[in-house]
Amino acid sequence: MFGYKCSLLTDTEVITYIFDWLNRKQKLPLEDVASIIAAPFWSKIDEIERIDPEKAEKLRYFRKMM
């Protein structure tokens, strides 16, 4: 879809392409890429409340869009 050709058919290859697409093509900083690929678990509402409000809003956006 984005021009990547999966030849090894492994999870690692897919994550590498996702990383490349987010960082190089979408120009997201590494911290944001890591937040998308390894998103925090928000199983309880109090976990969200402990995060800095600005960062929590960004994480909510990533969760909705990615």
Protein backbone atom coordinates (compact mmCIF):
# COMPACT_ATOMS: atom_id res chain seq x y z
CA MET A 1 0.00 0.00 0.00
CA PHE A 2 2.83 2.42 0.84
CA GLY A 3 5.39 0.93 -1.53
CA TYR A 4 6.90 -1.58 0.89
CA LYS A 5 7.45 -5.14 -0.29
CA CYS A 6 7.36 -7.76 2.48
CA SER A 7 9.72 -10.52 1.45
CA LEU A 8 10.51 -12.22 4.75
CA LEU A 9 6.91 -12.26 6.04
CA THR A 10 8.00 -11.69 9.65
CA ASP A 11 6.66 -9.42 12.37
CA THR A 12 10.06 -7.73 12.57
CA GLU A 13 9.91 -6.76 8.92
CA VAL A 14 6.44 -5.27 9.34
CA ILE A 15 7.49 -3.27 12.44
CA THR A 16 10.53 -1.99 10.53
CA TYR A 17 8.29 -0.73 7.73
CA ILE A 18 5.88 0.84 10.22
CA PHE A 19 8.80 2.54 11.96
CA ASP A 20 10.16 3.83 8.66
CA TRP A 21 6.75 5.10 7.54
CA LEU A 22 6.09 6.94 10.82
CA ASN A 23 9.58 8.37 11.28
CA ARG A 24 10.94 9.03 7.80
CA LYS A 25 7.80 9.55 5.73
CA GLN A 26 5.48 11.10 8.34
CA LYS A 27 8.37 12.95 10.04
CA LEU A 28 7.34 11.96 13.56
CA PRO A 29 10.06 12.13 16.24
CA LEU A 30 11.36 8.84 17.67
CA GLU A 31 9.54 9.31 20.99
CA ASP A 32 6.21 9.60 19.17
CA VAL A 33 6.98 6.58 16.99
CA ALA A 34 7.73 4.56 20.12
CA SER A 35 4.48 5.77 21.70
CA ILE A 36 2.55 4.52 18.67
CA ILE A 37 4.31 1.17 18.22
CA ALA A 38 4.45 0.38 21.96
CA ALA A 39 1.37 2.26 23.13
CA PRO A 40 0.75 2.39 26.88
CA PHE A 41 -2.02 0.25 28.32
CA TRP A 42 -4.84 2.37 29.67
CA SER A 43 -6.81 -0.25 31.49
CA LYS A 44 -7.85 2.10 34.26
CA ILE A 45 -8.91 5.73 34.05
CA ASP A 46 -6.52 6.70 36.87
CA GLU A 47 -3.55 5.69 34.68
CA ILE A 48 -4.59 8.38 32.19
CA GLU A 49 -4.95 10.94 34.97
CA ARG A 50 -1.33 10.43 36.08
CA ILE A 51 0.08 11.34 32.67
CA ASP A 52 0.91 14.96 31.82
CA PRO A 53 -2.28 16.40 30.21
CA GLU A 54 -0.49 17.47 27.02
CA LYS A 55 1.13 14.06 26.57
CA ALA A 56 -2.15 12.30 27.40
CA GLU A 57 -3.92 14.28 24.69
CA LYS A 58 -1.22 13.34 22.17
CA LEU A 59 -1.52 9.67 23.15
CA ARG A 60 -5.31 9.85 22.76
CA TYR A 61 -4.83 11.32 19.29
CA PHE A 62 -2.37 8.57 18.32
CA ARG A 63 -4.75 5.93 19.61
CA LYS A 64 -7.60 7.30 17.50
CA MET A 65 -5.60 7.92 14.33
CA MET A 66 -3.12 5.06 14.27
